[in-house]
Amino acid sequence: MTKKLKITLVKSYIGRPGKHRKVLRGMGLQKLNRTVLLKDTPEIRGMINKVSHLLSVVEIEVSEK
């Protein structure tokens, strides 16, 4: 079983610094209320910490076949 993160953009990035926008694009989030599933890695956790005030994050367990 591997951990994944279900990440949803819940606040707009309009008026935010360019670094925040780049982090969101790097995670694949460009529109409001869009959700992506990403692996739970230290790199992704660091990206989430940078823009945590704009996101909703849920940990899920995924079984691989």
Protein backbone atom coordinates (compact mmCIF):
# COMPACT_ATOMS: atom_id res chain seq x y z
CA MET A 1 0.00 0.00 0.00
CA THR A 2 1.32 3.40 -0.92
CA LYS A 3 0.28 6.79 0.31
CA LYS A 4 -1.04 9.40 -2.06
CA LEU A 5 -2.16 12.94 -1.47
CA LYS A 6 -5.40 14.31 -2.86
CA ILE A 7 -4.67 18.03 -3.30
CA THR A 8 -7.35 20.58 -4.19
CA LEU A 9 -6.83 24.27 -4.98
CA VAL A 10 -9.44 26.04 -2.83
CA LYS A 11 -8.25 29.66 -2.99
CA SER A 12 -7.22 31.70 -5.99
CA TYR A 13 -3.56 32.50 -6.61
CA ILE A 14 -4.37 35.92 -8.09
CA GLY A 15 -2.16 38.51 -6.40
CA ARG A 16 0.20 35.89 -4.99
CA PRO A 17 3.98 35.94 -5.56
CA GLY A 18 5.39 34.33 -8.68
CA LYS A 19 7.03 31.57 -6.64
CA HIS A 20 3.63 30.45 -5.36
CA ARG A 21 2.27 30.31 -8.90
CA LYS A 22 5.23 28.22 -10.05
CA VAL A 23 4.76 25.77 -7.18
CA LEU A 24 1.07 25.35 -8.03
CA ARG A 25 1.84 24.82 -11.72
CA GLY A 26 4.51 22.29 -10.76
CA MET A 27 1.87 20.30 -8.89
CA GLY A 28 -0.51 20.52 -11.85
CA LEU A 29 -2.98 22.95 -10.27
CA GLN A 30 -4.02 25.83 -12.49
CA LYS A 31 -7.75 26.27 -11.94
CA LEU A 32 -9.79 26.72 -8.80
CA ASN A 33 -11.38 23.59 -7.28
CA ARG A 34 -9.25 21.24 -9.38
CA THR A 35 -7.88 18.12 -7.71
CA VAL A 36 -4.73 16.13 -8.38
CA LEU A 37 -3.40 12.88 -6.91
CA LEU A 38 0.32 12.95 -6.15
CA LYS A 39 2.70 10.57 -4.39
CA ASP A 40 3.50 11.39 -0.79
CA THR A 41 7.17 12.39 -1.08
CA PRO A 42 9.27 14.93 0.84
CA GLU A 43 9.47 17.10 -2.28
CA ILE A 44 5.69 17.28 -2.65
CA ARG A 45 5.31 17.92 1.10
CA GLY A 46 7.69 20.88 0.76
CA MET A 47 5.66 22.28 -2.12
CA ILE A 48 2.48 21.90 -0.07
CA ASN A 49 4.08 23.75 2.87
CA LYS A 50 4.88 26.72 0.61
CA VAL A 51 1.25 27.21 -0.47
CA SER A 52 -0.71 25.41 2.26
CA HIS A 53 -2.97 28.45 2.75
CA LEU A 54 -4.35 27.91 -0.79
CA LEU A 55 -4.84 24.13 -0.66
CA SER A 56 -6.90 21.37 0.86
CA VAL A 57 -4.90 18.16 1.36
CA VAL A 58 -6.20 14.66 2.17
CA GLU A 59 -4.01 11.57 2.64
CA ILE A 60 -5.31 8.39 1.04
CA GLU A 61 -4.04 4.79 0.93
CA VAL A 62 -3.81 3.21 -2.52
CA SER A 63 -3.31 -0.49 -3.03
CA GLU A 64 -1.15 -1.39 -6.03
CA LYS A 65 -1.88 -4.54 -7.99
